[in-house]
Amino acid sequence: MAEVIAGVQIPDTELVRAATSLVRKVADDTLFHHSRRVFLWGSLKAAARGLEVDPELAYVGGLFHDLGLTRFYASKDLRFEIDGAEAARTFLLEHGRSEEEARTVWLAIALHTTPEVPMHLAPEVAAVALGVKTDVLGIGLDELTEQQRAEVVAAHPRPDFKNRILRAFYDGMAHRPNTTYGTMNDDVLAHFDPTFRRTDFVELIKGSAWPE
C-alpha cells in the first residue's frame, strides 16, 4: 500500500524504494528527514501552482539534493550541488530513465541553491527549489495549512534542525572552500570559521589579466 503524507503519495515503485534505501544508508537522520520533507513541501507547492510533476523524478531530486554533503559522495573540488546532481543522474540512468529525464533532475539538484532560475525551468526543477526554500528558509510557510505542516513534521521530525543543517553544510564544504564562491554557501563558512576570506568579485575583475 502506498504511503501518503499530508495528501502526497510517495510513489510505490522500485526506483523510489531504491532511492530511499540508498539515501537512508549514506545520510544521517538530519539529511534524510530534510530530504523527504523537501519532496513533500515541493510536491504540495507544485500542485498548488498547477505544475504537473513527475513524482519519481521529483522524489529523486528531493532525496539526492544534499548527497554531496555526505562523505560517500563529496568530491574534493566540486560544488556539493554538482556531486549530488551527478549521483542522481547516474542513479536514474541505471534505473531506466532517459537522458533527458536524468538531465532534468541534474539541473534540479545543481541549481537548488540558485535563486529564481529554477522557477523558469521544468516543473521538477521548480519543485525541488520550492521544497528547499520551504524547509531551510521557511519561505512560503503560509502557503501550507497547519495540518499539512503538522503531518509532514510528524512523519519527518526536525529537532534542532536549523543548527544541525548549518553544521551539515559546513562539514560538507569546509574542505573545499573555493567551491562556495558565487553562492550563499560562503555565508556558512564565514559563520563557522572567522579566518575564512570570501572571494571578492570586484577584486577578480580589477586583478584580471587585462592590461587596462
C-alpha atoms as a PDB file:
ATOM      1  CA  MET A   1       0.000   0.000   0.000  1.00  0.00           C
ATOM      2  CA  ALA A   2       1.387   3.391  -0.990  1.00  0.00           C
ATOM      3  CA  GLU A   3       2.480   5.756   1.776  1.00  0.00           C
ATOM      4  CA  VAL A   4       0.577   9.049   1.917  1.00  0.00           C
ATOM      5  CA  ILE A   5       1.767  12.060   3.937  1.00  0.00           C
ATOM      6  CA  ALA A   6      -0.228  15.296   4.039  1.00  0.00           C
ATOM      7  CA  GLY A   7      -2.079  14.158   0.948  1.00  0.00           C
ATOM      8  CA  VAL A   8       1.118  13.496  -1.002  1.00  0.00           C
ATOM      9  CA  GLN A   9       1.553   9.931  -2.208  1.00  0.00           C
ATOM     10  CA  ILE A  10       5.065   8.531  -2.083  1.00  0.00           C
ATOM     11  CA  PRO A  11       5.417   6.622  -5.357  1.00  0.00           C
ATOM     12  CA  ASP A  12       5.349   2.887  -4.625  1.00  0.00           C
ATOM     13  CA  THR A  13       7.909   1.896  -7.239  1.00  0.00           C
ATOM     14  CA  GLU A  14      11.165   0.004  -7.354  1.00  0.00           C
ATOM     15  CA  LEU A  15      13.031   3.189  -8.308  1.00  0.00           C
ATOM     16  CA  VAL A  16      11.691   5.104  -5.327  1.00  0.00           C
ATOM     17  CA  ARG A  17      12.383   2.254  -2.936  1.00  0.00           C
ATOM     18  CA  ALA A  18      15.950   2.036  -4.233  1.00  0.00           C
ATOM     19  CA  ALA A  19      16.434   5.794  -3.851  1.00  0.00           C
ATOM     20  CA  THR A  20      15.122   5.712  -0.291  1.00  0.00           C
ATOM     21  CA  SER A  21      17.360   2.784   0.622  1.00  0.00           C
ATOM     22  CA  LEU A  22      20.453   4.434  -0.837  1.00  0.00           C
ATOM     23  CA  VAL A  23      19.937   7.764   0.901  1.00  0.00           C
ATOM     24  CA  ARG A  24      18.997   6.099   4.194  1.00  0.00           C
ATOM     25  CA  LYS A  25      22.350   4.293   4.170  1.00  0.00           C
ATOM     26  CA  VAL A  26      24.608   7.258   3.437  1.00  0.00           C
ATOM     27  CA  ALA A  27      22.832  10.206   5.088  1.00  0.00           C
ATOM     28  CA  ASP A  28      22.237  10.811   8.775  1.00  0.00           C
ATOM     29  CA  ASP A  29      18.772  11.438  10.212  1.00  0.00           C
ATOM     30  CA  THR A  30      19.016  15.200   9.733  1.00  0.00           C
ATOM     31  CA  LEU A  31      19.718  14.981   5.994  1.00  0.00           C
ATOM     32  CA  PHE A  32      17.369  12.072   5.360  1.00  0.00           C
ATOM     33  CA  HIS A  33      14.338  13.651   7.007  1.00  0.00           C
ATOM     34  CA  HIS A  34      15.184  17.022   5.462  1.00  0.00           C
ATOM     35  CA  SER A  35      15.343  15.461   2.001  1.00  0.00           C
ATOM     36  CA  ARG A  36      11.992  13.730   2.394  1.00  0.00           C
ATOM     37  CA  ARG A  37      10.442  16.978   3.625  1.00  0.00           C
ATOM     38  CA  VAL A  38      11.852  18.762   0.577  1.00  0.00           C
ATOM     39  CA  PHE A  39       9.994  16.314  -1.663  1.00  0.00           C
ATOM     40  CA  LEU A  40       6.777  16.707   0.325  1.00  0.00           C
ATOM     41  CA  TRP A  41       6.834  20.515   0.532  1.00  0.00           C
ATOM     42  CA  GLY A  42       7.826  20.748  -3.117  1.00  0.00           C
ATOM     43  CA  SER A  43       5.006  18.418  -4.164  1.00  0.00           C
ATOM     44  CA  LEU A  44       2.428  20.379  -2.199  1.00  0.00           C
ATOM     45  CA  LYS A  45       3.570  23.718  -3.558  1.00  0.00           C
ATOM     46  CA  ALA A  46       3.923  22.491  -7.126  1.00  0.00           C
ATOM     47  CA  ALA A  47       0.381  21.113  -7.020  1.00  0.00           C
ATOM     48  CA  ALA A  48      -0.934  24.413  -5.679  1.00  0.00           C
ATOM     49  CA  ARG A  49       0.700  26.152  -8.645  1.00  0.00           C
ATOM     50  CA  GLY A  50      -0.816  23.753 -11.129  1.00  0.00           C
ATOM     51  CA  LEU A  51       2.536  22.248 -12.100  1.00  0.00           C
ATOM     52  CA  GLU A  52       2.471  18.712 -13.475  1.00  0.00           C
ATOM     53  CA  VAL A  53       5.410  16.985 -11.823  1.00  0.00           C
ATOM     54  CA  ASP A  54       6.746  13.502 -12.455  1.00  0.00           C
ATOM     55  CA  PRO A  55       6.660  12.152  -8.877  1.00  0.00           C
ATOM     56  CA  GLU A  56       9.582   9.762  -9.324  1.00  0.00           C
ATOM     57  CA  LEU A  57      11.834  12.470 -10.720  1.00  0.00           C
ATOM     58  CA  ALA A  58      10.787  14.927  -8.020  1.00  0.00           C
ATOM     59  CA  TYR A  59      11.413  12.285  -5.376  1.00  0.00           C
ATOM     60  CA  VAL A  60      14.946  11.555  -6.567  1.00  0.00           C
ATOM     61  CA  GLY A  61      15.594  15.289  -6.830  1.00  0.00           C
ATOM     62  CA  GLY A  62      14.493  15.815  -3.259  1.00  0.00           C
ATOM     63  CA  LEU A  63      16.220  12.748  -1.845  1.00  0.00           C
ATOM     64  CA  PHE A  64      19.534  13.292  -3.617  1.00  0.00           C
ATOM     65  CA  HIS A  65      19.832  17.071  -3.433  1.00  0.00           C
ATOM     66  CA  ASP A  66      22.188  17.072  -0.426  1.00  0.00           C
ATOM     67  CA  LEU A  67      24.069  13.836  -1.091  1.00  0.00           C
ATOM     68  CA  GLY A  68      27.120  15.908  -1.992  1.00  0.00           C
ATOM     69  CA  LEU A  69      27.417  16.849   1.666  1.00  0.00           C
ATOM     70  CA  THR A  70      27.956  13.233   2.720  1.00  0.00           C
ATOM     71  CA  ARG A  71      31.381  11.622   2.863  1.00  0.00           C
ATOM     72  CA  PHE A  72      30.214   8.977   0.424  1.00  0.00           C
ATOM     73  CA  TYR A  73      29.570  11.444  -2.400  1.00  0.00           C
ATOM     74  CA  ALA A  74      31.566  14.568  -1.540  1.00  0.00           C
ATOM     75  CA  SER A  75      34.314  15.392  -4.021  1.00  0.00           C
ATOM     76  CA  LYS A  76      37.428  17.419  -3.283  1.00  0.00           C
ATOM     77  CA  ASP A  77      36.950  20.277  -5.708  1.00  0.00           C
ATOM     78  CA  LEU A  78      33.364  20.426  -6.994  1.00  0.00           C
ATOM     79  CA  ARG A  79      30.364  22.220  -5.559  1.00  0.00           C
ATOM     80  CA  PHE A  80      28.374  19.863  -3.363  1.00  0.00           C
ATOM     81  CA  GLU A  81      25.332  20.536  -5.536  1.00  0.00           C
ATOM     82  CA  ILE A  82      27.139  19.054  -8.542  1.00  0.00           C
ATOM     83  CA  ASP A  83      28.158  15.979  -6.560  1.00  0.00           C
ATOM     84  CA  GLY A  84      24.528  15.277  -5.746  1.00  0.00           C
ATOM     85  CA  ALA A  85      23.419  16.054  -9.278  1.00  0.00           C
ATOM     86  CA  GLU A  86      25.894  13.587 -10.748  1.00  0.00           C
ATOM     87  CA  ALA A  87      24.834  10.888  -8.291  1.00  0.00           C
ATOM     88  CA  ALA A  88      21.180  11.377  -9.230  1.00  0.00           C
ATOM     89  CA  ARG A  89      21.902  11.335 -12.953  1.00  0.00           C
ATOM     90  CA  THR A  90      23.821   8.063 -12.686  1.00  0.00           C
ATOM     91  CA  PHE A  91      21.141   6.537 -10.475  1.00  0.00           C
ATOM     92  CA  LEU A  92      18.306   7.434 -12.848  1.00  0.00           C
ATOM     93  CA  LEU A  93      20.105   6.162 -15.933  1.00  0.00           C
ATOM     94  CA  GLU A  94      20.867   2.902 -14.156  1.00  0.00           C
ATOM     95  CA  HIS A  95      17.157   2.566 -13.350  1.00  0.00           C
ATOM     96  CA  GLY A  96      15.980   3.002 -16.913  1.00  0.00           C
ATOM     97  CA  ARG A  97      15.145   6.679 -17.042  1.00  0.00           C
ATOM     98  CA  SER A  98      16.046   8.670 -20.154  1.00  0.00           C
ATOM     99  CA  GLU A  99      18.996  11.005 -20.563  1.00  0.00           C
ATOM    100  CA  GLU A 100      16.581  13.952 -20.752  1.00  0.00           C
ATOM    101  CA  GLU A 101      14.850  12.948 -17.512  1.00  0.00           C
ATOM    102  CA  ALA A 102      18.186  12.446 -15.771  1.00  0.00           C
ATOM    103  CA  ARG A 103      19.308  15.856 -17.023  1.00  0.00           C
ATOM    104  CA  THR A 104      16.192  17.475 -15.581  1.00  0.00           C
ATOM    105  CA  VAL A 105      16.961  16.085 -12.141  1.00  0.00           C
ATOM    106  CA  TRP A 106      20.612  17.044 -12.562  1.00  0.00           C
ATOM    107  CA  LEU A 107      19.505  20.636 -13.070  1.00  0.00           C
ATOM    108  CA  ALA A 108      17.088  20.468 -10.132  1.00  0.00           C
ATOM    109  CA  ILE A 109      19.886  19.490  -7.776  1.00  0.00           C
ATOM    110  CA  ALA A 110      22.679  21.568  -9.290  1.00  0.00           C
ATOM    111  CA  LEU A 111      20.526  24.707  -9.117  1.00  0.00           C
ATOM    112  CA  HIS A 112      18.729  24.179  -5.830  1.00  0.00           C
ATOM    113  CA  THR A 113      20.789  26.886  -4.097  1.00  0.00           C
ATOM    114  CA  THR A 114      20.433  29.310  -7.017  1.00  0.00           C
ATOM    115  CA  PRO A 115      17.612  31.850  -6.513  1.00  0.00           C
ATOM    116  CA  GLU A 116      14.889  32.397  -9.138  1.00  0.00           C
ATOM    117  CA  VAL A 117      16.328  30.372 -12.035  1.00  0.00           C
ATOM    118  CA  PRO A 118      14.680  27.020 -11.103  1.00  0.00           C
ATOM    119  CA  MET A 119      11.228  28.558 -11.337  1.00  0.00           C
ATOM    120  CA  HIS A 120      11.751  29.100 -15.064  1.00  0.00           C
ATOM    121  CA  LEU A 121      12.743  25.509 -15.807  1.00  0.00           C
ATOM    122  CA  ALA A 122      10.986  22.133 -15.752  1.00  0.00           C
ATOM    123  CA  PRO A 123       8.335  21.538 -13.055  1.00  0.00           C
ATOM    124  CA  GLU A 124      10.585  19.016 -11.273  1.00  0.00           C
ATOM    125  CA  VAL A 125      13.342  21.622 -11.033  1.00  0.00           C
ATOM    126  CA  ALA A 126      10.903  24.115  -9.557  1.00  0.00           C
ATOM    127  CA  ALA A 127       9.514  21.536  -7.125  1.00  0.00           C
ATOM    128  CA  VAL A 128      12.916  20.793  -5.603  1.00  0.00           C
ATOM    129  CA  ALA A 129      13.705  24.503  -5.245  1.00  0.00           C
ATOM    130  CA  LEU A 130      10.324  25.179  -3.653  1.00  0.00           C
ATOM    131  CA  GLY A 131      10.855  22.352  -1.194  1.00  0.00           C
ATOM    132  CA  VAL A 132      14.335  23.505  -0.229  1.00  0.00           C
ATOM    133  CA  LYS A 133      13.267  27.131   0.284  1.00  0.00           C
ATOM    134  CA  THR A 134      10.399  25.986   2.462  1.00  0.00           C
ATOM    135  CA  ASP A 135      12.366  23.617   4.670  1.00  0.00           C
ATOM    136  CA  VAL A 136      15.589  25.574   5.101  1.00  0.00           C
ATOM    137  CA  LEU A 137      14.435  29.183   4.929  1.00  0.00           C
ATOM    138  CA  GLY A 138      10.760  28.916   5.881  1.00  0.00           C
ATOM    139  CA  ILE A 139       9.767  30.764   2.711  1.00  0.00           C
ATOM    140  CA  GLY A 140       6.080  30.416   1.927  1.00  0.00           C
ATOM    141  CA  LEU A 141       5.082  28.565   5.083  1.00  0.00           C
ATOM    142  CA  ASP A 142       1.805  30.460   4.938  1.00  0.00           C
ATOM    143  CA  GLU A 143       1.024  28.629   1.690  1.00  0.00           C
ATOM    144  CA  LEU A 144       0.704  25.401   3.675  1.00  0.00           C
ATOM    145  CA  THR A 145      -2.101  24.563   6.050  1.00  0.00           C
ATOM    146  CA  GLU A 146      -1.402  23.852   9.696  1.00  0.00           C
ATOM    147  CA  GLN A 147      -2.500  20.277   9.131  1.00  0.00           C
ATOM    148  CA  GLN A 148      -0.119  19.799   6.208  1.00  0.00           C
ATOM    149  CA  ARG A 149       2.769  21.182   8.213  1.00  0.00           C
ATOM    150  CA  ALA A 150       1.900  19.034  11.232  1.00  0.00           C
ATOM    151  CA  GLU A 151       1.592  15.820   9.214  1.00  0.00           C
ATOM    152  CA  VAL A 152       4.877  16.293   7.383  1.00  0.00           C
ATOM    153  CA  VAL A 153       6.827  17.168  10.528  1.00  0.00           C
ATOM    154  CA  ALA A 154       5.229  14.282  12.415  1.00  0.00           C
ATOM    155  CA  ALA A 155       6.449  11.883   9.734  1.00  0.00           C
ATOM    156  CA  HIS A 156       9.846  13.564   9.389  1.00  0.00           C
ATOM    157  CA  PRO A 157      10.775  15.490  12.541  1.00  0.00           C
ATOM    158  CA  ARG A 158      13.148  18.446  12.589  1.00  0.00           C
ATOM    159  CA  PRO A 159      14.774  18.526  16.063  1.00  0.00           C
ATOM    160  CA  ASP A 160      17.227  21.441  16.312  1.00  0.00           C
ATOM    161  CA  PHE A 161      17.144  21.465  12.528  1.00  0.00           C
ATOM    162  CA  LYS A 162      18.445  24.985  11.985  1.00  0.00           C
ATOM    163  CA  ASN A 163      21.679  24.304  13.848  1.00  0.00           C
ATOM    164  CA  ARG A 164      22.089  20.772  12.532  1.00  0.00           C
ATOM    165  CA  ILE A 165      21.644  21.684   8.867  1.00  0.00           C
ATOM    166  CA  LEU A 166      24.104  24.570   9.192  1.00  0.00           C
ATOM    167  CA  ARG A 167      26.640  22.159  10.681  1.00  0.00           C
ATOM    168  CA  ALA A 168      25.966  19.661   7.885  1.00  0.00           C
ATOM    169  CA  PHE A 169      26.585  22.388   5.312  1.00  0.00           C
ATOM    170  CA  TYR A 170      29.838  23.390   6.965  1.00  0.00           C
ATOM    171  CA  ASP A 171      31.109  19.846   7.418  1.00  0.00           C
ATOM    172  CA  GLY A 172      30.369  19.108   3.770  1.00  0.00           C
ATOM    173  CA  MET A 173      32.097  22.209   2.389  1.00  0.00           C
ATOM    174  CA  ALA A 174      34.908  23.169   4.754  1.00  0.00           C
ATOM    175  CA  HIS A 175      37.454  21.038   2.874  1.00  0.00           C
ATOM    176  CA  ARG A 176      36.623  22.765  -0.458  1.00  0.00           C
ATOM    177  CA  PRO A 177      36.085  26.434   0.423  1.00  0.00           C
ATOM    178  CA  ASN A 178      36.701  27.727  -3.094  1.00  0.00           C
ATOM    179  CA  THR A 179      33.583  25.936  -4.315  1.00  0.00           C
ATOM    180  CA  THR A 180      31.372  28.277  -2.307  1.00  0.00           C
ATOM    181  CA  TYR A 181      32.251  31.300  -4.438  1.00  0.00           C
ATOM    182  CA  GLY A 182      29.208  32.888  -6.047  1.00  0.00           C
ATOM    183  CA  THR A 183      26.708  31.207  -3.746  1.00  0.00           C
ATOM    184  CA  MET A 184      25.281  31.808  -0.302  1.00  0.00           C
ATOM    185  CA  ASN A 185      27.342  28.844   0.862  1.00  0.00           C
ATOM    186  CA  ASP A 186      30.227  31.165   1.687  1.00  0.00           C
ATOM    187  CA  ASP A 187      27.988  32.626   4.413  1.00  0.00           C
ATOM    188  CA  VAL A 188      28.103  29.230   6.123  1.00  0.00           C
ATOM    189  CA  LEU A 189      31.894  29.029   6.066  1.00  0.00           C
ATOM    190  CA  ALA A 190      32.195  32.604   7.343  1.00  0.00           C
ATOM    191  CA  HIS A 191      29.769  31.790  10.177  1.00  0.00           C
ATOM    192  CA  PHE A 192      31.828  28.868  11.484  1.00  0.00           C
ATOM    193  CA  ASP A 193      35.348  29.997  10.531  1.00  0.00           C
ATOM    194  CA  PRO A 194      36.386  33.575  11.388  1.00  0.00           C
ATOM    195  CA  THR A 195      39.542  33.175   9.272  1.00  0.00           C
ATOM    196  CA  PHE A 196      37.613  32.388   6.097  1.00  0.00           C
ATOM    197  CA  ARG A 197      38.095  35.020   3.409  1.00  0.00           C
ATOM    198  CA  ARG A 198      35.463  35.276   0.704  1.00  0.00           C
ATOM    199  CA  THR A 199      36.456  35.634  -2.935  1.00  0.00           C
ATOM    200  CA  ASP A 200      35.579  39.177  -3.975  1.00  0.00           C
ATOM    201  CA  PHE A 201      34.098  39.531  -7.470  1.00  0.00           C
ATOM    202  CA  VAL A 202      35.208  43.147  -7.755  1.00  0.00           C
ATOM    203  CA  GLU A 203      38.771  42.167  -6.876  1.00  0.00           C
ATOM    204  CA  LEU A 204      38.673  39.456  -9.530  1.00  0.00           C
ATOM    205  CA  ILE A 205      37.696  41.978 -12.183  1.00  0.00           C
ATOM    206  CA  LYS A 206      40.268  44.565 -11.106  1.00  0.00           C
ATOM    207  CA  GLY A 207      43.012  41.969 -10.839  1.00  0.00           C
ATOM    208  CA  SER A 208      42.264  40.190 -14.107  1.00  0.00           C
ATOM    209  CA  ALA A 209      44.914  39.709 -16.822  1.00  0.00           C
ATOM    210  CA  TRP A 210      43.508  42.501 -18.972  1.00  0.00           C
ATOM    211  CA  PRO A 211      46.028  45.379 -19.121  1.00  0.00           C
ATOM    212  CA  GLU A 212      43.706  48.361 -18.705  1.00  0.00           C
END
